[in-house]
């Protein structure tokens, strides 16, 4: 199944920082991935084989991106998901680097690089969101979120994001 994803990156974001501010905020590997569109080596990221129930947030902003129910083992060595937590969690842009044409996935609040999107995923979407562990923060279902996630949820979270998190947590408790 081939799904056509259109570029929808507006180029302007609610969360805007100088590169010096990003460098101070992020761990070096996260900065490389999020701000320089870097890629970690396959099978080296801390989440590629994570099977815990929980939510994956942007390491740049604390924005919710994916839930563990949509994560699957694609065999590629990176965390793979078949859909984001809400449709507006990510934006897409064409990536023409390294002699290839791919769809880059960025968080919708800061435009920070998360990974790439491919048309070889499982049902129900047929999509594979191939993400870098260093671009995300994982919070287990019964864990306390870190400050960055709490700050985002208190000041920037949309009603749709809040409802999606609540629904996921309720489903996980059943």
N, C-alpha and C. Protein backbone atom coordinates (compact mmCIF):
# COMPACT_ATOMS: atom_id res chain seq x y z
N UNK A 1 0.85 -1.18 0.00
CA UNK A 1 0.00 0.00 0.00
C UNK A 1 0.89 1.24 0.00
N UNK A 2 0.62 2.17 -0.88
CA UNK A 2 1.37 3.42 -0.93
C UNK A 2 0.44 4.56 -0.51
N UNK A 3 0.90 5.30 0.47
CA UNK A 3 0.14 6.44 0.98
C UNK A 3 0.91 7.70 0.61
N UNK A 4 0.25 8.65 0.01
CA UNK A 4 0.90 9.90 -0.38
C UNK A 4 0.81 10.89 0.78
N UNK A 5 1.96 11.28 1.30
CA UNK A 5 2.02 12.26 2.38
C UNK A 5 2.52 13.57 1.77
N UNK A 6 1.78 14.63 1.98
CA UNK A 6 2.17 15.94 1.45
C UNK A 6 2.98 16.71 2.48
N UNK A 7 3.92 17.50 1.98
CA UNK A 7 4.64 18.42 2.87
C UNK A 7 3.61 19.34 3.51
N UNK A 8 3.72 19.51 4.83
CA UNK A 8 2.80 20.43 5.51
C UNK A 8 3.53 21.27 6.55
N UNK A 9 4.85 21.34 6.44
CA UNK A 9 5.66 22.09 7.39
C UNK A 9 5.56 23.58 7.09
N UNK A 10 5.00 24.37 8.02
CA UNK A 10 4.84 25.80 7.77
C UNK A 10 6.14 26.60 7.89
N UNK A 11 7.16 26.02 8.53
CA UNK A 11 8.43 26.72 8.67
C UNK A 11 8.50 27.67 9.85
N UNK A 12 7.39 27.91 10.52
CA UNK A 12 7.37 28.74 11.72
C UNK A 12 6.71 27.94 12.84
N UNK A 13 7.26 28.08 14.07
CA UNK A 13 6.84 27.21 15.16
C UNK A 13 6.61 28.00 16.44
N UNK A 14 5.75 27.45 17.29
CA UNK A 14 5.47 28.08 18.59
C UNK A 14 6.69 28.09 19.49
N UNK A 15 7.48 27.02 19.45
CA UNK A 15 8.68 26.94 20.29
C UNK A 15 9.87 27.32 19.41
N UNK A 16 10.46 28.46 19.72
CA UNK A 16 11.58 28.97 18.94
C UNK A 16 12.71 29.36 19.89
N UNK A 17 13.90 28.85 19.61
CA UNK A 17 15.08 29.15 20.44
C UNK A 17 16.26 29.41 19.53
N UNK A 18 17.27 30.06 20.06
CA UNK A 18 18.51 30.21 19.31
C UNK A 18 19.24 28.86 19.35
N UNK A 19 20.18 28.68 18.45
CA UNK A 19 20.95 27.42 18.47
C UNK A 19 21.73 27.28 19.77
N UNK A 20 22.18 28.38 20.34
CA UNK A 20 22.88 28.32 21.63
C UNK A 20 21.93 27.84 22.73
N UNK A 21 20.68 28.30 22.69
CA UNK A 21 19.69 27.84 23.68
C UNK A 21 19.38 26.35 23.50
N UNK A 22 19.24 25.90 22.24
CA UNK A 22 19.01 24.47 21.99
C UNK A 22 20.19 23.65 22.50
N UNK A 23 21.41 24.11 22.23
CA UNK A 23 22.62 23.39 22.67
C UNK A 23 22.66 23.26 24.18
N UNK A 24 22.27 24.31 24.88
CA UNK A 24 22.27 24.28 26.35
C UNK A 24 21.16 23.37 26.90
N UNK A 25 20.06 23.28 26.19
CA UNK A 25 18.90 22.50 26.64
C UNK A 25 19.05 21.00 26.39
N UNK A 26 19.64 20.64 25.27
CA UNK A 26 19.65 19.24 24.83
C UNK A 26 20.97 18.54 25.09
N UNK A 27 20.90 17.24 25.32
CA UNK A 27 22.11 16.41 25.39
C UNK A 27 22.77 16.44 24.01
N UNK A 28 24.08 16.27 23.93
CA UNK A 28 24.77 16.35 22.63
C UNK A 28 24.18 15.45 21.54
N UNK A 29 23.85 14.19 21.87
CA UNK A 29 23.29 13.31 20.84
C UNK A 29 21.90 13.79 20.40
N UNK A 30 21.11 14.28 21.33
CA UNK A 30 19.79 14.80 20.99
C UNK A 30 19.90 16.06 20.15
N UNK A 31 20.84 16.92 20.48
CA UNK A 31 21.05 18.14 19.68
C UNK A 31 21.41 17.77 18.24
N UNK A 32 22.33 16.83 18.09
CA UNK A 32 22.76 16.39 16.76
C UNK A 32 21.57 15.89 15.94
N UNK A 33 20.73 15.09 16.55
CA UNK A 33 19.57 14.53 15.84
C UNK A 33 18.51 15.59 15.59
N UNK A 34 18.07 16.25 16.65
CA UNK A 34 16.94 17.18 16.57
C UNK A 34 17.24 18.44 15.76
N UNK A 35 18.40 19.00 15.94
CA UNK A 35 18.70 20.30 15.33
C UNK A 35 19.54 20.22 14.06
N UNK A 36 20.24 19.09 13.84
CA UNK A 36 21.06 18.94 12.64
C UNK A 36 20.57 17.81 11.74
N UNK A 37 19.36 17.32 11.99
CA UNK A 37 18.77 16.23 11.21
C UNK A 37 19.69 15.01 11.18
N UNK A 38 20.33 14.76 12.31
CA UNK A 38 21.21 13.60 12.41
C UNK A 38 20.43 12.31 12.58
N UNK A 39 21.16 11.21 12.47
CA UNK A 39 20.57 9.88 12.64
C UNK A 39 21.49 9.05 13.51
N UNK A 40 20.92 8.40 14.51
CA UNK A 40 21.72 7.49 15.33
C UNK A 40 21.91 6.18 14.56
N UNK A 41 22.94 5.45 14.92
CA UNK A 41 23.18 4.15 14.28
C UNK A 41 22.04 3.19 14.64
N UNK A 42 21.68 2.30 13.70
CA UNK A 42 20.62 1.34 14.01
C UNK A 42 21.01 0.44 15.18
N UNK A 43 20.02 0.05 15.93
CA UNK A 43 20.15 -0.85 17.09
C UNK A 43 20.97 -0.26 18.24
N UNK A 44 21.19 1.05 18.24
CA UNK A 44 21.95 1.67 19.33
C UNK A 44 21.09 2.57 20.21
N UNK A 45 19.95 3.00 19.72
CA UNK A 45 19.08 3.90 20.48
C UNK A 45 18.41 3.18 21.64
N UNK A 46 18.18 3.92 22.70
CA UNK A 46 17.65 3.30 23.92
C UNK A 46 16.21 2.82 23.80
N UNK A 47 15.48 3.23 22.77
CA UNK A 47 14.08 2.85 22.66
C UNK A 47 13.77 1.86 21.53
N UNK A 48 14.75 1.47 20.72
CA UNK A 48 14.42 0.65 19.56
C UNK A 48 13.75 -0.67 19.95
N UNK A 49 14.11 -1.21 21.12
CA UNK A 49 13.49 -2.47 21.54
C UNK A 49 12.67 -2.32 22.83
N UNK A 50 12.31 -1.09 23.16
CA UNK A 50 11.49 -0.84 24.36
C UNK A 50 10.09 -1.42 24.16
N UNK A 51 9.66 -2.22 25.10
CA UNK A 51 8.34 -2.84 25.02
C UNK A 51 7.41 -2.37 26.14
N UNK A 52 7.86 -1.42 26.94
CA UNK A 52 7.06 -0.88 28.04
C UNK A 52 5.88 -0.07 27.51
N UNK A 53 4.78 -0.08 28.24
CA UNK A 53 3.63 0.76 27.90
C UNK A 53 3.94 2.19 28.33
N UNK A 54 3.68 3.13 27.44
CA UNK A 54 3.93 4.53 27.77
C UNK A 54 3.81 5.44 26.57
N UNK A 55 4.28 6.65 26.77
CA UNK A 55 4.15 7.71 25.76
C UNK A 55 5.54 8.23 25.41
N UNK A 56 5.73 8.48 24.13
CA UNK A 56 6.98 9.05 23.62
C UNK A 56 6.74 10.53 23.33
N UNK A 57 7.60 11.37 23.91
CA UNK A 57 7.50 12.83 23.78
C UNK A 57 8.71 13.36 23.03
N UNK A 58 8.57 14.54 22.45
CA UNK A 58 9.71 15.20 21.80
C UNK A 58 10.73 15.61 22.85
N UNK A 59 11.99 15.24 22.63
CA UNK A 59 13.05 15.66 23.55
C UNK A 59 13.30 17.16 23.42
N UNK A 60 12.87 17.77 22.33
CA UNK A 60 13.05 19.21 22.14
C UNK A 60 12.03 20.01 22.94
N UNK A 61 10.77 19.58 22.91
CA UNK A 61 9.69 20.41 23.45
C UNK A 61 8.88 19.78 24.57
N UNK A 62 8.91 18.45 24.69
CA UNK A 62 8.03 17.77 25.63
C UNK A 62 6.67 17.46 25.04
N UNK A 63 6.49 17.72 23.76
CA UNK A 63 5.24 17.47 23.05
C UNK A 63 5.00 15.97 22.90
N UNK A 64 3.78 15.47 23.17
CA UNK A 64 3.50 14.06 22.95
C UNK A 64 3.52 13.73 21.46
N UNK A 65 4.18 12.61 21.12
CA UNK A 65 4.34 12.22 19.72
C UNK A 65 3.68 10.89 19.38
N UNK A 66 3.99 9.86 20.18
CA UNK A 66 3.53 8.50 19.89
C UNK A 66 3.19 7.79 21.19
N UNK A 67 2.34 6.77 21.10
CA UNK A 67 2.05 5.90 22.24
C UNK A 67 2.56 4.50 21.92
N UNK A 68 2.84 3.75 22.96
CA UNK A 68 3.42 2.42 22.78
C UNK A 68 2.50 1.47 22.01
N UNK A 69 1.19 1.70 22.04
CA UNK A 69 0.26 0.84 21.29
C UNK A 69 0.48 0.91 19.78
N UNK A 70 1.13 1.96 19.30
CA UNK A 70 1.36 2.09 17.86
C UNK A 70 2.81 1.74 17.48
N UNK A 71 3.60 1.31 18.46
CA UNK A 71 5.00 0.93 18.22
C UNK A 71 5.05 -0.54 17.81
N UNK A 72 5.94 -0.85 16.89
CA UNK A 72 6.09 -2.24 16.46
C UNK A 72 7.54 -2.48 16.05
N UNK A 73 7.93 -3.74 15.96
CA UNK A 73 9.28 -4.11 15.57
C UNK A 73 9.34 -4.24 14.06
N UNK A 74 9.91 -3.24 13.42
CA UNK A 74 10.00 -3.24 11.96
C UNK A 74 11.26 -3.95 11.48
N UNK A 75 12.18 -4.25 12.41
CA UNK A 75 13.43 -4.90 12.04
C UNK A 75 14.47 -3.95 11.49
N UNK A 76 14.21 -2.64 11.55
CA UNK A 76 15.14 -1.66 10.97
C UNK A 76 16.17 -1.14 11.97
N UNK A 77 15.96 -1.38 13.27
CA UNK A 77 16.92 -0.93 14.28
C UNK A 77 16.60 0.41 14.90
N UNK A 78 15.50 1.01 14.51
CA UNK A 78 15.04 2.27 15.11
C UNK A 78 13.62 2.07 15.63
N UNK A 79 13.20 2.86 16.61
CA UNK A 79 11.81 2.76 17.06
C UNK A 79 10.88 3.07 15.89
N UNK A 80 9.90 2.22 15.68
CA UNK A 80 8.97 2.38 14.56
C UNK A 80 7.54 2.40 15.08
N UNK A 81 6.75 3.29 14.51
CA UNK A 81 5.36 3.48 14.90
C UNK A 81 4.51 3.54 13.63
N UNK A 82 3.22 3.18 13.72
CA UNK A 82 2.39 3.28 12.52
C UNK A 82 1.53 4.53 12.47
N UNK A 83 1.49 5.31 13.58
CA UNK A 83 0.80 6.61 13.53
C UNK A 83 1.15 7.43 14.76
N UNK A 84 1.09 8.76 14.64
CA UNK A 84 1.35 9.63 15.80
C UNK A 84 0.15 9.64 16.75
N UNK A 85 0.38 10.16 17.94
CA UNK A 85 -0.67 10.21 18.97
C UNK A 85 -1.88 11.03 18.51
N UNK A 86 -1.64 12.13 17.83
CA UNK A 86 -2.69 12.93 17.19
C UNK A 86 -2.16 13.37 15.83
N UNK A 87 -3.03 13.60 14.85
CA UNK A 87 -2.56 13.96 13.51
C UNK A 87 -1.64 15.19 13.48
N UNK A 88 -1.88 16.18 14.31
CA UNK A 88 -1.08 17.40 14.28
C UNK A 88 0.21 17.35 15.07
N UNK A 89 0.59 16.19 15.60
CA UNK A 89 1.81 16.09 16.41
C UNK A 89 3.07 16.27 15.59
N UNK A 90 3.01 15.93 14.31
CA UNK A 90 4.19 16.01 13.46
C UNK A 90 3.86 16.73 12.16
N UNK A 91 4.91 17.29 11.57
CA UNK A 91 4.82 17.86 10.23
C UNK A 91 5.75 17.07 9.33
N UNK A 92 5.52 17.21 8.03
CA UNK A 92 6.30 16.47 7.03
C UNK A 92 6.97 17.44 6.08
N UNK A 93 8.17 17.08 5.65
CA UNK A 93 8.86 17.86 4.63
C UNK A 93 9.68 16.92 3.76
N UNK A 94 9.89 17.29 2.53
CA UNK A 94 10.69 16.48 1.62
C UNK A 94 12.16 16.62 1.99
N UNK A 95 12.84 15.49 2.10
CA UNK A 95 14.27 15.44 2.44
C UNK A 95 14.99 14.87 1.22
N UNK A 96 15.83 15.68 0.61
CA UNK A 96 16.58 15.26 -0.58
C UNK A 96 18.06 15.01 -0.28
N UNK A 97 18.38 14.74 0.97
CA UNK A 97 19.78 14.53 1.36
C UNK A 97 20.25 13.12 1.01
N UNK A 98 21.54 12.95 0.95
CA UNK A 98 22.19 11.64 0.75
C UNK A 98 21.76 10.96 -0.54
N UNK A 99 21.42 11.73 -1.56
CA UNK A 99 21.05 11.18 -2.86
C UNK A 99 19.72 10.44 -2.89
N UNK A 100 18.88 10.68 -1.88
CA UNK A 100 17.57 10.02 -1.81
C UNK A 100 16.48 11.08 -1.67
N UNK A 101 15.27 10.67 -1.96
CA UNK A 101 14.11 11.51 -1.69
C UNK A 101 13.28 10.77 -0.66
N UNK A 102 13.17 11.37 0.53
CA UNK A 102 12.44 10.76 1.64
C UNK A 102 11.51 11.80 2.25
N UNK A 103 10.65 11.34 3.13
CA UNK A 103 9.77 12.24 3.87
C UNK A 103 10.33 12.37 5.28
N UNK A 104 10.78 13.58 5.60
CA UNK A 104 11.28 13.86 6.95
C UNK A 104 10.10 14.15 7.86
N UNK A 105 10.22 13.70 9.11
CA UNK A 105 9.19 13.94 10.13
C UNK A 105 9.80 14.86 11.19
N UNK A 106 9.11 15.97 11.49
CA UNK A 106 9.57 16.92 12.51
C UNK A 106 8.45 17.15 13.52
N UNK A 107 8.83 17.52 14.74
CA UNK A 107 7.76 17.82 15.71
C UNK A 107 7.12 19.14 15.31
N UNK A 108 5.81 19.22 15.50
CA UNK A 108 5.06 20.36 14.98
C UNK A 108 5.20 21.62 15.82
N UNK A 109 5.80 21.53 16.99
CA UNK A 109 5.94 22.72 17.84
C UNK A 109 7.27 23.43 17.64
N UNK A 110 8.32 22.70 17.22
CA UNK A 110 9.63 23.35 17.07
C UNK A 110 10.29 23.08 15.72
N UNK A 111 9.73 22.18 14.93
CA UNK A 111 10.35 21.82 13.65
C UNK A 111 11.59 20.98 13.82
N UNK A 112 11.77 20.39 14.99
CA UNK A 112 12.96 19.57 15.26
C UNK A 112 12.82 18.20 14.59
N UNK A 113 13.91 17.75 14.00
CA UNK A 113 13.96 16.48 13.27
C UNK A 113 13.74 15.30 14.21
N UNK A 114 12.85 14.41 13.81
CA UNK A 114 12.57 13.19 14.58
C UNK A 114 13.04 11.94 13.85
N UNK A 115 12.85 11.92 12.54
CA UNK A 115 13.19 10.74 11.75
C UNK A 115 12.56 10.86 10.38
N UNK A 116 12.16 9.70 9.81
CA UNK A 116 11.59 9.67 8.47
C UNK A 116 10.35 8.78 8.43
N UNK A 117 9.56 8.98 7.39
CA UNK A 117 8.33 8.23 7.18
C UNK A 117 8.46 7.40 5.92
N UNK A 118 8.03 6.12 6.02
CA UNK A 118 8.10 5.21 4.88
C UNK A 118 6.75 4.53 4.69
N UNK A 119 6.52 4.05 3.47
CA UNK A 119 5.25 3.40 3.10
C UNK A 119 5.29 1.88 3.23
N UNK A 120 6.06 1.37 4.18
CA UNK A 120 6.17 -0.08 4.32
C UNK A 120 5.73 -0.56 5.70
N UNK A 121 4.83 0.17 6.31
CA UNK A 121 4.37 -0.18 7.66
C UNK A 121 3.19 -1.14 7.66
N UNK A 122 2.78 -1.53 8.85
CA UNK A 122 1.67 -2.48 8.99
C UNK A 122 0.31 -1.79 8.91
N UNK A 123 -0.76 -2.58 8.82
CA UNK A 123 -2.10 -2.01 8.95
C UNK A 123 -2.22 -1.40 10.35
N UNK A 124 -3.04 -0.44 10.59
CA UNK A 124 -4.07 0.03 9.68
C UNK A 124 -3.62 1.15 8.75
N UNK A 125 -2.41 1.70 8.92
CA UNK A 125 -2.01 2.86 8.13
C UNK A 125 -1.11 2.52 6.95
N UNK A 126 -0.35 1.43 7.05
CA UNK A 126 0.64 1.12 6.01
C UNK A 126 1.87 1.99 6.11
N UNK A 127 1.99 2.75 7.20
CA UNK A 127 3.10 3.69 7.37
C UNK A 127 4.08 3.21 8.43
N UNK A 128 5.35 3.60 8.25
CA UNK A 128 6.38 3.34 9.26
C UNK A 128 7.05 4.67 9.61
N UNK A 129 6.76 5.16 10.79
CA UNK A 129 7.43 6.34 11.32
C UNK A 129 8.71 5.82 11.97
N UNK A 130 9.82 6.00 11.30
CA UNK A 130 11.12 5.50 11.75
C UNK A 130 11.81 6.64 12.51
N UNK A 131 11.79 6.56 13.83
CA UNK A 131 12.22 7.67 14.68
C UNK A 131 13.56 7.38 15.34
N UNK A 132 14.26 8.43 15.72
CA UNK A 132 15.51 8.32 16.47
C UNK A 132 15.20 8.36 17.96
N UNK A 133 15.76 7.42 18.71
CA UNK A 133 15.55 7.41 20.16
C UNK A 133 15.99 8.73 20.79
N UNK A 134 17.11 9.28 20.33
CA UNK A 134 17.65 10.51 20.88
C UNK A 134 16.77 11.72 20.66
N UNK A 135 15.76 11.60 19.80
CA UNK A 135 14.83 12.70 19.54
C UNK A 135 13.63 12.65 20.47
N UNK A 136 13.57 11.59 21.29
CA UNK A 136 12.37 11.39 22.11
C UNK A 136 12.70 11.17 23.59
N UNK A 137 11.68 11.39 24.41
CA UNK A 137 11.70 11.07 25.84
C UNK A 137 10.57 10.07 26.04
N UNK A 138 10.87 8.93 26.63
CA UNK A 138 9.83 7.95 26.92
C UNK A 138 9.42 8.06 28.37
N UNK A 139 8.11 8.07 28.61
CA UNK A 139 7.58 8.08 29.97
C UNK A 139 6.63 6.89 30.10
N UNK A 140 7.01 5.94 30.95
CA UNK A 140 6.17 4.77 31.20
C UNK A 140 4.83 5.17 31.79
N UNK A 141 3.87 4.31 31.63
CA UNK A 141 2.49 4.61 32.00
C UNK A 141 2.33 5.06 33.46
N UNK A 142 3.12 4.53 34.37
CA UNK A 142 3.01 4.90 35.79
C UNK A 142 4.19 5.74 36.27
N UNK A 143 4.94 6.31 35.35
CA UNK A 143 6.12 7.11 35.71
C UNK A 143 5.78 8.59 35.75
N UNK A 144 6.54 9.31 36.55
CA UNK A 144 6.42 10.77 36.63
C UNK A 144 7.14 11.39 35.43
N UNK A 145 6.48 12.24 34.65
CA UNK A 145 7.15 12.86 33.51
C UNK A 145 8.22 13.86 33.95
N UNK A 146 9.26 14.03 33.14
CA UNK A 146 10.28 15.02 33.46
C UNK A 146 9.75 16.45 33.28
N UNK A 147 10.51 17.41 33.76
CA UNK A 147 10.09 18.82 33.75
C UNK A 147 9.70 19.30 32.36
N UNK A 148 10.45 18.94 31.33
CA UNK A 148 10.14 19.43 29.97
C UNK A 148 8.74 19.00 29.55
N UNK A 149 8.37 17.78 29.85
CA UNK A 149 7.04 17.28 29.50
C UNK A 149 5.98 17.99 30.33
N UNK A 150 6.22 18.15 31.62
CA UNK A 150 5.26 18.84 32.50
C UNK A 150 5.04 20.28 32.03
N UNK A 151 6.12 20.96 31.66
CA UNK A 151 6.01 22.35 31.19
C UNK A 151 5.18 22.42 29.92
N UNK A 152 5.44 21.51 28.99
CA UNK A 152 4.67 21.50 27.75
C UNK A 152 3.18 21.26 28.03
N UNK A 153 2.91 20.25 28.84
CA UNK A 153 1.52 19.89 29.12
C UNK A 153 0.79 21.02 29.84
N UNK A 154 1.49 21.79 30.66
CA UNK A 154 0.86 22.89 31.40
C UNK A 154 0.62 24.13 30.54
N UNK A 155 1.45 24.33 29.51
CA UNK A 155 1.35 25.60 28.80
C UNK A 155 1.03 25.50 27.30
N UNK A 156 1.38 24.40 26.65
CA UNK A 156 1.21 24.32 25.20
C UNK A 156 0.31 23.20 24.71
N UNK A 157 0.00 22.24 25.55
CA UNK A 157 -0.78 21.07 25.11
C UNK A 157 -2.15 21.47 24.60
N UNK A 158 -2.53 20.85 23.50
CA UNK A 158 -3.87 21.08 22.95
C UNK A 158 -4.86 20.17 23.66
N UNK A 159 -6.12 20.51 23.54
CA UNK A 159 -7.17 19.67 24.12
C UNK A 159 -7.12 18.27 23.49
N UNK A 160 -6.83 18.21 22.20
CA UNK A 160 -6.74 16.92 21.50
C UNK A 160 -5.61 16.06 22.08
N UNK A 161 -4.46 16.68 22.36
CA UNK A 161 -3.34 15.94 22.95
C UNK A 161 -3.69 15.43 24.35
N UNK A 162 -4.29 16.29 25.15
CA UNK A 162 -4.67 15.91 26.52
C UNK A 162 -5.65 14.75 26.49
N UNK A 163 -6.66 14.83 25.62
CA UNK A 163 -7.65 13.75 25.51
C UNK A 163 -7.01 12.45 25.04
N UNK A 164 -6.08 12.54 24.09
CA UNK A 164 -5.41 11.34 23.58
C UNK A 164 -4.59 10.66 24.67
N UNK A 165 -3.90 11.45 25.48
CA UNK A 165 -3.10 10.90 26.58
C UNK A 165 -4.02 10.25 27.62
N UNK A 166 -5.09 10.95 27.98
CA UNK A 166 -6.04 10.39 28.95
C UNK A 166 -6.65 9.08 28.45
N UNK A 167 -7.02 9.04 27.18
CA UNK A 167 -7.61 7.82 26.60
C UNK A 167 -6.60 6.68 26.59
N UNK A 168 -5.35 6.98 26.25
CA UNK A 168 -4.32 5.95 26.24
C UNK A 168 -4.09 5.40 27.65
N UNK A 169 -3.99 6.29 28.63
CA UNK A 169 -3.77 5.85 30.01
C UNK A 169 -4.93 5.01 30.51
N UNK A 170 -6.15 5.43 30.21
CA UNK A 170 -7.33 4.67 30.64
C UNK A 170 -7.33 3.28 30.01
N UNK A 171 -7.03 3.21 28.72
CA UNK A 171 -6.98 1.93 28.02
C UNK A 171 -5.89 1.03 28.60
N UNK A 172 -4.76 1.62 28.96
CA UNK A 172 -3.64 0.86 29.51
C UNK A 172 -3.94 0.29 30.89
N UNK A 173 -4.84 0.94 31.63
CA UNK A 173 -5.20 0.48 32.97
C UNK A 173 -6.20 -0.66 32.95
N UNK A 174 -6.87 -0.85 31.82
CA UNK A 174 -7.91 -1.89 31.72
C UNK A 174 -7.31 -3.28 31.67
